Amino acid sequence: MLAKRKMQSKELAEKIGITTANLSILKTGKAKGIRFDTLEAICEALNCQPGDILEYTKE
């Protein structure tokens, strides 16, 4: 979604108020969870739905 919106990670991190390191953890799938308010902020900034950026994978 970042590429589709022509936005860099740093810009998104600044818009939603998290560090680029935390955004990187989310992007790589290494986060154990995500707060709903963070998910909402990401979706608002990228003008998308949660299903556009989340993927379920069985471990």
PDB file of N, CA and C in Angstrom:
ATOM      1  N   MET A   1       0.823  -1.190   0.000  1.00  0.00           N
ATOM      2  CA  MET A   1       0.000   0.000   0.000  1.00  0.00           C
ATOM      3  C   MET A   1       0.867   1.254   0.000  1.00  0.00           C
ATOM      4  N   LEU A   2       2.017   1.181   0.645  1.00  0.00           N
ATOM      5  CA  LEU A   2       2.910   2.342   0.635  1.00  0.00           C
ATOM      6  C   LEU A   2       3.315   2.692  -0.792  1.00  0.00           C
ATOM      7  N   ALA A   3       3.670   1.691  -1.577  1.00  0.00           N
ATOM      8  CA  ALA A   3       4.084   1.943  -2.961  1.00  0.00           C
ATOM      9  C   ALA A   3       2.924   2.493  -3.780  1.00  0.00           C
ATOM     10  N   LYS A   4       1.729   1.932  -3.576  1.00  0.00           N
ATOM     11  CA  LYS A   4       0.558   2.412  -4.309  1.00  0.00           C
ATOM     12  C   LYS A   4       0.264   3.871  -3.989  1.00  0.00           C
ATOM     13  N   ARG A   5       0.525   4.267  -2.758  1.00  0.00           N
ATOM     14  CA  ARG A   5       0.258   5.649  -2.330  1.00  0.00           C
ATOM     15  C   ARG A   5       1.469   6.555  -2.519  1.00  0.00           C
ATOM     16  N   LYS A   6       2.558   5.976  -3.059  1.00  0.00           N
ATOM     17  CA  LYS A   6       3.803   6.712  -3.294  1.00  0.00           C
ATOM     18  C   LYS A   6       4.265   7.424  -2.025  1.00  0.00           C
ATOM     19  N   MET A   7       4.311   6.626  -0.948  1.00  0.00           N
ATOM     20  CA  MET A   7       4.686   7.153   0.355  1.00  0.00           C
ATOM     21  C   MET A   7       5.838   6.317   0.914  1.00  0.00           C
ATOM     22  N   GLN A   8       6.769   6.958   1.557  1.00  0.00           N
ATOM     23  CA  GLN A   8       7.877   6.253   2.186  1.00  0.00           C
ATOM     24  C   GLN A   8       7.505   5.895   3.619  1.00  0.00           C
ATOM     25  N   SER A   9       8.165   4.879   4.145  1.00  0.00           N
ATOM     26  CA  SER A   9       7.909   4.437   5.517  1.00  0.00           C
ATOM     27  C   SER A   9       8.094   5.563   6.519  1.00  0.00           C
ATOM     28  N   LYS A  10       9.123   6.361   6.324  1.00  0.00           N
ATOM     29  CA  LYS A  10       9.400   7.466   7.249  1.00  0.00           C
ATOM     30  C   LYS A  10       8.218   8.439   7.288  1.00  0.00           C
ATOM     31  N   GLU A  11       7.662   8.751   6.138  1.00  0.00           N
ATOM     32  CA  GLU A  11       6.522   9.666   6.062  1.00  0.00           C
ATOM     33  C   GLU A  11       5.305   9.076   6.780  1.00  0.00           C
ATOM     34  N   LEU A  12       5.044   7.788   6.552  1.00  0.00           N
ATOM     35  CA  LEU A  12       3.910   7.141   7.220  1.00  0.00           C
ATOM     36  C   LEU A  12       4.108   7.129   8.730  1.00  0.00           C
ATOM     37  N   ALA A  13       5.307   6.786   9.175  1.00  0.00           N
ATOM     38  CA  ALA A  13       5.607   6.753  10.608  1.00  0.00           C
ATOM     39  C   ALA A  13       5.346   8.117  11.248  1.00  0.00           C
ATOM     40  N   GLU A  14       5.767   9.169  10.572  1.00  0.00           N
ATOM     41  CA  GLU A  14       5.544  10.519  11.096  1.00  0.00           C
ATOM     42  C   GLU A  14       4.057  10.856  11.149  1.00  0.00           C
ATOM     43  N   LYS A  15       3.321  10.473  10.118  1.00  0.00           N
ATOM     44  CA  LYS A  15       1.884  10.766  10.065  1.00  0.00           C
ATOM     45  C   LYS A  15       1.104  10.072  11.177  1.00  0.00           C
ATOM     46  N   ILE A  16       1.507   8.836  11.515  1.00  0.00           N
ATOM     47  CA  ILE A  16       0.733   8.074  12.499  1.00  0.00           C
ATOM     48  C   ILE A  16       1.332   8.129  13.905  1.00  0.00           C
ATOM     49  N   GLY A  17       2.504   8.747  14.028  1.00  0.00           N
ATOM     50  CA  GLY A  17       3.084   8.955  15.346  1.00  0.00           C
ATOM     51  C   GLY A  17       3.774   7.764  15.966  1.00  0.00           C
ATOM     52  N   ILE A  18       4.432   6.937  15.132  1.00  0.00           N
ATOM     53  CA  ILE A  18       5.246   5.850  15.674  1.00  0.00           C
ATOM     54  C   ILE A  18       6.643   5.970  15.083  1.00  0.00           C
ATOM     55  N   THR A  19       7.584   5.247  15.665  1.00  0.00           N
ATOM     56  CA  THR A  19       8.950   5.301  15.157  1.00  0.00           C
ATOM     57  C   THR A  19       9.064   4.479  13.876  1.00  0.00           C
ATOM     58  N   THR A  20      10.068   4.801  13.085  1.00  0.00           N
ATOM     59  CA  THR A  20      10.295   4.013  11.870  1.00  0.00           C
ATOM     60  C   THR A  20      10.689   2.583  12.224  1.00  0.00           C
ATOM     61  N   ALA A  21      11.350   2.407  13.366  1.00  0.00           N
ATOM     62  CA  ALA A  21      11.726   1.060  13.814  1.00  0.00           C
ATOM     63  C   ALA A  21      10.474   0.225  14.107  1.00  0.00           C
ATOM     64  N   ASN A  22       9.495   0.819  14.800  1.00  0.00           N
ATOM     65  CA  ASN A  22       8.264   0.090  15.092  1.00  0.00           C
ATOM     66  C   ASN A  22       7.476  -0.191  13.820  1.00  0.00           C
ATOM     67  N   LEU A  23       7.469   0.732  12.893  1.00  0.00           N
ATOM     68  CA  LEU A  23       6.784   0.506  11.623  1.00  0.00           C
ATOM     69  C   LEU A  23       7.462  -0.623  10.856  1.00  0.00           C
ATOM     70  N   SER A  24       8.779  -0.678  10.913  1.00  0.00           N
ATOM     71  CA  SER A  24       9.526  -1.751  10.257  1.00  0.00           C
ATOM     72  C   SER A  24       9.148  -3.108  10.834  1.00  0.00           C
ATOM     73  N   ILE A  25       8.992  -3.185  12.139  1.00  0.00           N
ATOM     74  CA  ILE A  25       8.584  -4.433  12.798  1.00  0.00           C
ATOM     75  C   ILE A  25       7.209  -4.860  12.304  1.00  0.00           C
ATOM     76  N   LEU A  26       6.307  -3.898  12.161  1.00  0.00           N
ATOM     77  CA  LEU A  26       4.978  -4.207  11.644  1.00  0.00           C
ATOM     78  C   LEU A  26       5.049  -4.684  10.196  1.00  0.00           C
ATOM     79  N   LYS A  27       5.851  -4.000   9.391  1.00  0.00           N
ATOM     80  CA  LYS A  27       5.952  -4.331   7.970  1.00  0.00           C
ATOM     81  C   LYS A  27       6.546  -5.722   7.735  1.00  0.00           C
ATOM     82  N   THR A  28       7.492  -6.124   8.561  1.00  0.00           N
ATOM     83  CA  THR A  28       8.153  -7.419   8.365  1.00  0.00           C
ATOM     84  C   THR A  28       7.382  -8.577   8.970  1.00  0.00           C
ATOM     85  N   GLY A  29       6.311  -8.257   9.692  1.00  0.00           N
ATOM     86  CA  GLY A  29       5.497  -9.321  10.285  1.00  0.00           C
ATOM     87  C   GLY A  29       6.070  -9.872  11.575  1.00  0.00           C
ATOM     88  N   LYS A  30       7.022  -9.181  12.159  1.00  0.00           N
ATOM     89  CA  LYS A  30       7.644  -9.657  13.394  1.00  0.00           C
ATOM     90  C   LYS A  30       6.919  -9.189  14.650  1.00  0.00           C
ATOM     91  N   ALA A  31       5.908  -8.345  14.484  1.00  0.00           N
ATOM     92  CA  ALA A  31       5.148  -7.855  15.637  1.00  0.00           C
ATOM     93  C   ALA A  31       4.227  -8.966  16.129  1.00  0.00           C
ATOM     94  N   LYS A  32       4.081  -9.054  17.426  1.00  0.00           N
ATOM     95  CA  LYS A  32       3.181 -10.053  17.997  1.00  0.00           C
ATOM     96  C   LYS A  32       1.739  -9.581  17.987  1.00  0.00           C
ATOM     97  N   GLY A  33       1.543  -8.281  17.784  1.00  0.00           N
ATOM     98  CA  GLY A  33       0.199  -7.714  17.747  1.00  0.00           C
ATOM     99  C   GLY A  33       0.256  -6.271  17.301  1.00  0.00           C
ATOM    100  N   ILE A  34      -0.919  -5.702  17.108  1.00  0.00           N
ATOM    101  CA  ILE A  34      -1.015  -4.300  16.718  1.00  0.00           C
ATOM    102  C   ILE A  34      -2.214  -3.698  17.434  1.00  0.00           C
ATOM    103  N   ARG A  35      -2.045  -2.508  17.944  1.00  0.00           N
ATOM    104  CA  ARG A  35      -3.149  -1.827  18.619  1.00  0.00           C
ATOM    105  C   ARG A  35      -4.141  -1.350  17.569  1.00  0.00           C
ATOM    106  N   PHE A  36      -5.416  -1.405  17.923  1.00  0.00           N
ATOM    107  CA  PHE A  36      -6.443  -0.996  16.977  1.00  0.00           C
ATOM    108  C   PHE A  36      -6.308   0.472  16.589  1.00  0.00           C
ATOM    109  N   ASP A  37      -5.881   1.313  17.515  1.00  0.00           N
ATOM    110  CA  ASP A  37      -5.732   2.722  17.163  1.00  0.00           C
ATOM    111  C   ASP A  37      -4.574   2.934  16.178  1.00  0.00           C
ATOM    112  N   THR A  38      -3.526   2.106  16.276  1.00  0.00           N
ATOM    113  CA  THR A  38      -2.434   2.174  15.318  1.00  0.00           C
ATOM    114  C   THR A  38      -2.900   1.680  13.953  1.00  0.00           C
ATOM    115  N   LEU A  39      -3.631   0.587  13.934  1.00  0.00           N
ATOM    116  CA  LEU A  39      -4.181   0.061  12.679  1.00  0.00           C
ATOM    117  C   LEU A  39      -5.104   1.082  12.030  1.00  0.00           C
ATOM    118  N   GLU A  40      -5.928   1.721  12.837  1.00  0.00           N
ATOM    119  CA  GLU A  40      -6.836   2.749  12.321  1.00  0.00           C
ATOM    120  C   GLU A  40      -6.054   3.911  11.713  1.00  0.00           C
ATOM    121  N   ALA A  41      -4.996   4.346  12.397  1.00  0.00           N
ATOM    122  CA  ALA A  41      -4.184   5.460  11.900  1.00  0.00           C
ATOM    123  C   ALA A  41      -3.497   5.102  10.583  1.00  0.00           C
ATOM    124  N   ILE A  42      -2.995   3.874  10.481  1.00  0.00           N
ATOM    125  CA  ILE A  42      -2.363   3.429   9.241  1.00  0.00           C
ATOM    126  C   ILE A  42      -3.376   3.419   8.100  1.00  0.00           C
ATOM    127  N   CYS A  43      -4.547   2.854   8.358  1.00  0.00           N
ATOM    128  CA  CYS A  43      -5.583   2.791   7.324  1.00  0.00           C
ATOM    129  C   CYS A  43      -6.043   4.185   6.906  1.00  0.00           C
ATOM    130  N   GLU A  44      -6.146   5.075   7.869  1.00  0.00           N
ATOM    131  CA  GLU A  44      -6.550   6.443   7.543  1.00  0.00           C
ATOM    132  C   GLU A  44      -5.485   7.135   6.692  1.00  0.00           C
ATOM    133  N   ALA A  45      -4.218   6.976   7.066  1.00  0.00           N
ATOM    134  CA  ALA A  45      -3.131   7.618   6.336  1.00  0.00           C
ATOM    135  C   ALA A  45      -2.988   7.066   4.919  1.00  0.00           C
ATOM    136  N   LEU A  46      -3.245   5.762   4.760  1.00  0.00           N
ATOM    137  CA  LEU A  46      -3.096   5.125   3.452  1.00  0.00           C
ATOM    138  C   LEU A  46      -4.414   5.029   2.683  1.00  0.00           C
ATOM    139  N   ASN A  47      -5.492   5.491   3.314  1.00  0.00           N
ATOM    140  CA  ASN A  47      -6.814   5.428   2.687  1.00  0.00           C
ATOM    141  C   ASN A  47      -7.120   4.009   2.212  1.00  0.00           C
ATOM    142  N   CYS A  48      -7.076   3.067   3.165  1.00  0.00           N
ATOM    143  CA  CYS A  48      -7.305   1.669   2.835  1.00  0.00           C
ATOM    144  C   CYS A  48      -8.084   0.991   3.961  1.00  0.00           C
ATOM    145  N   GLN A  49      -8.372  -0.271   3.787  1.00  0.00           N
ATOM    146  CA  GLN A  49      -9.052  -1.086   4.782  1.00  0.00           C
ATOM    147  C   GLN A  49      -8.029  -2.025   5.431  1.00  0.00           C
ATOM    148  N   PRO A  50      -8.300  -2.498   6.667  1.00  0.00           N
ATOM    149  CA  PRO A  50      -7.349  -3.403   7.322  1.00  0.00           C
ATOM    150  C   PRO A  50      -6.991  -4.620   6.470  1.00  0.00           C
ATOM    151  N   GLY A  51      -7.949  -5.158   5.750  1.00  0.00           N
ATOM    152  CA  GLY A  51      -7.683  -6.320   4.900  1.00  0.00           C
ATOM    153  C   GLY A  51      -6.716  -6.038   3.768  1.00  0.00           C
ATOM    154  N   ASP A  52      -6.522  -4.772   3.447  1.00  0.00           N
ATOM    155  CA  ASP A  52      -5.576  -4.401   2.394  1.00  0.00           C
ATOM    156  C   ASP A  52      -4.131  -4.506   2.867  1.00  0.00           C
ATOM    157  N   ILE A  53      -3.932  -4.481   4.181  1.00  0.00           N
ATOM    158  CA  ILE A  53      -2.558  -4.476   4.698  1.00  0.00           C
ATOM    159  C   ILE A  53      -2.247  -5.643   5.624  1.00  0.00           C
ATOM    160  N   LEU A  54      -3.261  -6.395   6.059  1.00  0.00           N
ATOM    161  CA  LEU A  54      -3.038  -7.532   6.946  1.00  0.00           C
ATOM    162  C   LEU A  54      -3.192  -8.831   6.175  1.00  0.00           C
ATOM    163  N   GLU A  55      -2.387  -9.820   6.566  1.00  0.00           N
ATOM    164  CA  GLU A  55      -2.458 -11.125   5.951  1.00  0.00           C
ATOM    165  C   GLU A  55      -2.315 -12.183   7.032  1.00  0.00           C
ATOM    166  N   TYR A  56      -3.170 -13.183   7.007  1.00  0.00           N
ATOM    167  CA  TYR A  56      -3.081 -14.270   7.980  1.00  0.00           C
ATOM    168  C   TYR A  56      -2.224 -15.383   7.399  1.00  0.00           C
ATOM    169  N   THR A  57      -1.253 -15.823   8.173  1.00  0.00           N
ATOM    170  CA  THR A  57      -0.453 -16.990   7.781  1.00  0.00           C
ATOM    171  C   THR A  57      -0.395 -17.941   8.958  1.00  0.00           C
ATOM    172  N   LYS A  58      -0.641 -19.201   8.687  1.00  0.00           N
ATOM    173  CA  LYS A  58      -0.598 -20.215   9.742  1.00  0.00           C
ATOM    174  C   LYS A  58       0.854 -20.516  10.067  1.00  0.00           C
ATOM    175  N   GLU A  59       1.170 -20.517  11.353  1.00  0.00           N
ATOM    176  CA  GLU A  59       2.552 -20.773  11.767  1.00  0.00           C
ATOM    177  C   GLU A  59       2.812 -22.237  11.929  1.00  0.00           C
TER     178      GLU A  59
END
